[in-house]
Amino acid sequence: DVQLQACGGGLVQAGGSLRLACAASGFAFDDYAIGWFRQAPGKEREGISCTSDGGRYYADSKMGRFIISSDNAKNTVYLQMNGLEVEDTAVYYCAAARRDPYYSGSWYLKPNNMAYWGKGTQVTVSS
């Protein structure tokens, strides 16, 4: 079974940093795109960043502060978040979808295009 487990959330002051980790199992890691998403209270789930076939893709508003990386040996994808703002408070999720060569990597930034979801990890940024 495909499993995704996100961890690393917590409470941090504005301006601080967190690194989230998404441990994946049950599928061929290299054959899938894996992305990070978040959902704040009362808002729709939005894409942050994804990695697909060695490429890294970001939602425009997240470039510069958030950095995605992966460790294929550990089947783990990370999201380094720097300069956190109160507005970054949300539940953060990782998700996966089998790569389709028809689509560019940015296609996997859309939540509806992801097939598997892990439980989220709460990130709270205080002022």
C-alpha atoms as a PDB file:
ATOM      1  CA  ASP A   1       0.000   0.000   0.000  1.00  0.00           C
ATOM      2  CA  VAL A   2       1.124   3.507  -0.747  1.00  0.00           C
ATOM      3  CA  GLN A   3       1.930   5.334   2.452  1.00  0.00           C
ATOM      4  CA  LEU A   4       3.084   8.865   2.991  1.00  0.00           C
ATOM      5  CA  GLN A   5       3.951  10.171   6.392  1.00  0.00           C
ATOM      6  CA  ALA A   6       4.704  13.820   6.972  1.00  0.00           C
ATOM      7  CA  CYS A   7       6.437  15.085  10.079  1.00  0.00           C
ATOM      8  CA  GLY A   8       8.422  18.046  11.303  1.00  0.00           C
ATOM      9  CA  GLY A   9       5.688  20.542  11.941  1.00  0.00           C
ATOM     10  CA  GLY A  10       5.467  22.567  15.096  1.00  0.00           C
ATOM     11  CA  LEU A  11       5.243  25.998  16.613  1.00  0.00           C
ATOM     12  CA  VAL A  12       7.774  28.565  15.470  1.00  0.00           C
ATOM     13  CA  GLN A  13       8.125  32.315  15.728  1.00  0.00           C
ATOM     14  CA  ALA A  14       7.824  34.498  12.682  1.00  0.00           C
ATOM     15  CA  GLY A  15      11.115  34.600  10.842  1.00  0.00           C
ATOM     16  CA  GLY A  16      12.048  31.116  11.953  1.00  0.00           C
ATOM     17  CA  SER A  17      12.581  27.940   9.982  1.00  0.00           C
ATOM     18  CA  LEU A  18      11.238  24.406   9.905  1.00  0.00           C
ATOM     19  CA  ARG A  19      12.087  21.364   7.848  1.00  0.00           C
ATOM     20  CA  LEU A  20       9.294  18.980   7.032  1.00  0.00           C
ATOM     21  CA  ALA A  21       9.930  15.415   5.964  1.00  0.00           C
ATOM     22  CA  CYS A  22       7.710  13.071   3.970  1.00  0.00           C
ATOM     23  CA  ALA A  23       8.584   9.401   4.241  1.00  0.00           C
ATOM     24  CA  ALA A  24       7.175   7.356   1.370  1.00  0.00           C
ATOM     25  CA  SER A  25       6.675   3.625   1.123  1.00  0.00           C
ATOM     26  CA  GLY A  26       4.759   1.053  -0.901  1.00  0.00           C
ATOM     27  CA  PHE A  27       5.680   2.321  -4.347  1.00  0.00           C
ATOM     28  CA  ALA A  28       8.650   2.842  -6.639  1.00  0.00           C
ATOM     29  CA  PHE A  29       9.871   6.214  -5.433  1.00  0.00           C
ATOM     30  CA  ASP A  30      11.508   7.193  -8.717  1.00  0.00           C
ATOM     31  CA  ASP A  31       8.303   6.595 -10.676  1.00  0.00           C
ATOM     32  CA  TYR A  32       6.261   9.098  -8.738  1.00  0.00           C
ATOM     33  CA  ALA A  33       5.976  12.832  -8.347  1.00  0.00           C
ATOM     34  CA  ILE A  34       5.779  13.930  -4.738  1.00  0.00           C
ATOM     35  CA  GLY A  35       4.572  17.292  -3.638  1.00  0.00           C
ATOM     36  CA  TRP A  36       3.951  19.459  -0.622  1.00  0.00           C
ATOM     37  CA  PHE A  37       0.642  21.166  -0.064  1.00  0.00           C
ATOM     38  CA  ARG A  38      -0.968  23.124   2.702  1.00  0.00           C
ATOM     39  CA  GLN A  39      -4.388  24.094   3.898  1.00  0.00           C
ATOM     40  CA  ALA A  40      -5.093  26.969   6.228  1.00  0.00           C
ATOM     41  CA  PRO A  41      -8.379  27.228   8.133  1.00  0.00           C
ATOM     42  CA  GLY A  42     -11.157  28.366   5.848  1.00  0.00           C
ATOM     43  CA  LYS A  43      -8.991  28.196   2.753  1.00  0.00           C
ATOM     44  CA  GLU A  44      -8.568  25.776  -0.089  1.00  0.00           C
ATOM     45  CA  ARG A  45      -5.672  23.383  -0.191  1.00  0.00           C
ATOM     46  CA  GLU A  46      -2.825  24.814  -2.246  1.00  0.00           C
ATOM     47  CA  GLY A  47       0.313  23.462  -3.814  1.00  0.00           C
ATOM     48  CA  ILE A  48       3.695  24.597  -2.549  1.00  0.00           C
ATOM     49  CA  SER A  49       6.329  22.563  -4.327  1.00  0.00           C
ATOM     50  CA  CYS A  50       6.860  19.203  -5.942  1.00  0.00           C
ATOM     51  CA  THR A  51       9.627  17.021  -7.251  1.00  0.00           C
ATOM     52  CA  SER A  52       9.197  14.963 -10.369  1.00  0.00           C
ATOM     53  CA  ASP A  53      11.780  13.049 -12.411  1.00  0.00           C
ATOM     54  CA  GLY A  54      14.605  14.931 -10.749  1.00  0.00           C
ATOM     55  CA  GLY A  55      13.065  18.341 -11.319  1.00  0.00           C
ATOM     56  CA  ARG A  56      11.834  20.753  -8.677  1.00  0.00           C
ATOM     57  CA  TYR A  57       8.803  22.927  -9.158  1.00  0.00           C
ATOM     58  CA  TYR A  58       7.371  25.698  -7.042  1.00  0.00           C
ATOM     59  CA  ALA A  59       4.205  27.668  -6.851  1.00  0.00           C
ATOM     60  CA  ASP A  60       5.268  31.195  -7.767  1.00  0.00           C
ATOM     61  CA  SER A  61       4.458  32.670  -4.383  1.00  0.00           C
ATOM     62  CA  LYS A  62       6.598  30.112  -2.560  1.00  0.00           C
ATOM     63  CA  MET A  63       9.816  30.492  -4.472  1.00  0.00           C
ATOM     64  CA  GLY A  64      12.713  31.792  -2.462  1.00  0.00           C
ATOM     65  CA  ARG A  65      11.552  30.889   1.025  1.00  0.00           C
ATOM     66  CA  PHE A  66      10.695  27.204   0.543  1.00  0.00           C
ATOM     67  CA  ILE A  67      13.111  24.614  -0.786  1.00  0.00           C
ATOM     68  CA  ILE A  68      12.220  21.060  -1.728  1.00  0.00           C
ATOM     69  CA  SER A  69      14.758  18.262  -1.750  1.00  0.00           C
ATOM     70  CA  SER A  70      14.734  14.497  -1.744  1.00  0.00           C
ATOM     71  CA  ASP A  71      16.812  11.610  -0.533  1.00  0.00           C
ATOM     72  CA  ASN A  72      16.075   8.726  -2.865  1.00  0.00           C
ATOM     73  CA  ALA A  73      18.000   6.288  -0.679  1.00  0.00           C
ATOM     74  CA  LYS A  74      15.597   7.056   2.161  1.00  0.00           C
ATOM     75  CA  ASN A  75      12.488   7.509   0.000  1.00  0.00           C
ATOM     76  CA  THR A  76      12.007  10.833   1.701  1.00  0.00           C
ATOM     77  CA  VAL A  77      11.149  14.285   0.424  1.00  0.00           C
ATOM     78  CA  TYR A  78      11.909  17.361   2.501  1.00  0.00           C
ATOM     79  CA  LEU A  79      10.550  20.877   2.564  1.00  0.00           C
ATOM     80  CA  GLN A  80      12.839  23.465   4.096  1.00  0.00           C
ATOM     81  CA  MET A  81      10.839  26.513   5.082  1.00  0.00           C
ATOM     82  CA  ASN A  82      12.674  29.713   5.917  1.00  0.00           C
ATOM     83  CA  GLY A  83      11.510  33.153   6.903  1.00  0.00           C
ATOM     84  CA  LEU A  84       8.205  31.792   8.098  1.00  0.00           C
ATOM     85  CA  GLU A  85       5.315  34.197   8.340  1.00  0.00           C
ATOM     86  CA  VAL A  86       2.117  34.070  10.361  1.00  0.00           C
ATOM     87  CA  GLU A  87       0.294  33.525   7.073  1.00  0.00           C
ATOM     88  CA  ASP A  88       2.188  30.243   6.633  1.00  0.00           C
ATOM     89  CA  THR A  89       0.196  28.728   9.488  1.00  0.00           C
ATOM     90  CA  ALA A  90      -1.575  25.683   8.074  1.00  0.00           C
ATOM     91  CA  VAL A  91      -1.685  21.926   7.986  1.00  0.00           C
ATOM     92  CA  TYR A  92       1.001  20.735   5.595  1.00  0.00           C
ATOM     93  CA  TYR A  93       0.521  17.587   3.544  1.00  0.00           C
ATOM     94  CA  CYS A  94       2.637  15.556   1.230  1.00  0.00           C
ATOM     95  CA  ALA A  95       1.060  13.758  -1.689  1.00  0.00           C
ATOM     96  CA  ALA A  96       2.128  11.525  -4.550  1.00  0.00           C
ATOM     97  CA  ALA A  97       1.059  10.617  -8.050  1.00  0.00           C
ATOM     98  CA  ARG A  98       2.533   8.266 -10.593  1.00  0.00           C
ATOM     99  CA  ARG A  99       4.404  10.319 -13.128  1.00  0.00           C
ATOM    100  CA  ASP A 100       2.846  10.678 -16.535  1.00  0.00           C
ATOM    101  CA  PRO A 101       5.285  11.853 -19.235  1.00  0.00           C
ATOM    102  CA  TYR A 102       2.457  13.747 -20.902  1.00  0.00           C
ATOM    103  CA  TYR A 103       2.434  16.295 -18.093  1.00  0.00           C
ATOM    104  CA  SER A 104       5.082  18.756 -17.000  1.00  0.00           C
ATOM    105  CA  GLY A 105       6.263  18.706 -13.414  1.00  0.00           C
ATOM    106  CA  SER A 106       4.209  21.742 -12.470  1.00  0.00           C
ATOM    107  CA  TRP A 107       1.065  19.732 -13.169  1.00  0.00           C
ATOM    108  CA  TYR A 108       1.655  18.000  -9.859  1.00  0.00           C
ATOM    109  CA  LEU A 109       1.306  21.269  -7.958  1.00  0.00           C
ATOM    110  CA  LYS A 110      -2.443  20.991  -8.276  1.00  0.00           C
ATOM    111  CA  PRO A 111      -4.016  19.059  -5.405  1.00  0.00           C
ATOM    112  CA  ASN A 112      -6.634  17.435  -7.635  1.00  0.00           C
ATOM    113  CA  ASN A 113      -3.896  15.808  -9.698  1.00  0.00           C
ATOM    114  CA  MET A 114      -2.404  13.892  -6.775  1.00  0.00           C
ATOM    115  CA  ALA A 115      -3.574  10.374  -6.073  1.00  0.00           C
ATOM    116  CA  TYR A 116      -2.214   9.593  -2.635  1.00  0.00           C
ATOM    117  CA  TRP A 117      -2.168  11.711   0.469  1.00  0.00           C
ATOM    118  CA  GLY A 118      -0.567  11.427   3.830  1.00  0.00           C
ATOM    119  CA  LYS A 119      -1.852  12.804   7.072  1.00  0.00           C
ATOM    120  CA  GLY A 120      -0.842  16.378   7.584  1.00  0.00           C
ATOM    121  CA  THR A 121       1.498  18.002  10.014  1.00  0.00           C
ATOM    122  CA  GLN A 122       0.528  21.248  11.697  1.00  0.00           C
ATOM    123  CA  VAL A 123       2.726  24.295  11.288  1.00  0.00           C
ATOM    124  CA  THR A 124       1.915  27.252  13.471  1.00  0.00           C
ATOM    125  CA  VAL A 125       3.801  30.512  13.139  1.00  0.00           C
ATOM    126  CA  SER A 126       3.423  32.997  15.956  1.00  0.00           C
ATOM    127  CA  SER A 127       4.003  36.724  15.701  1.00  0.00           C
END
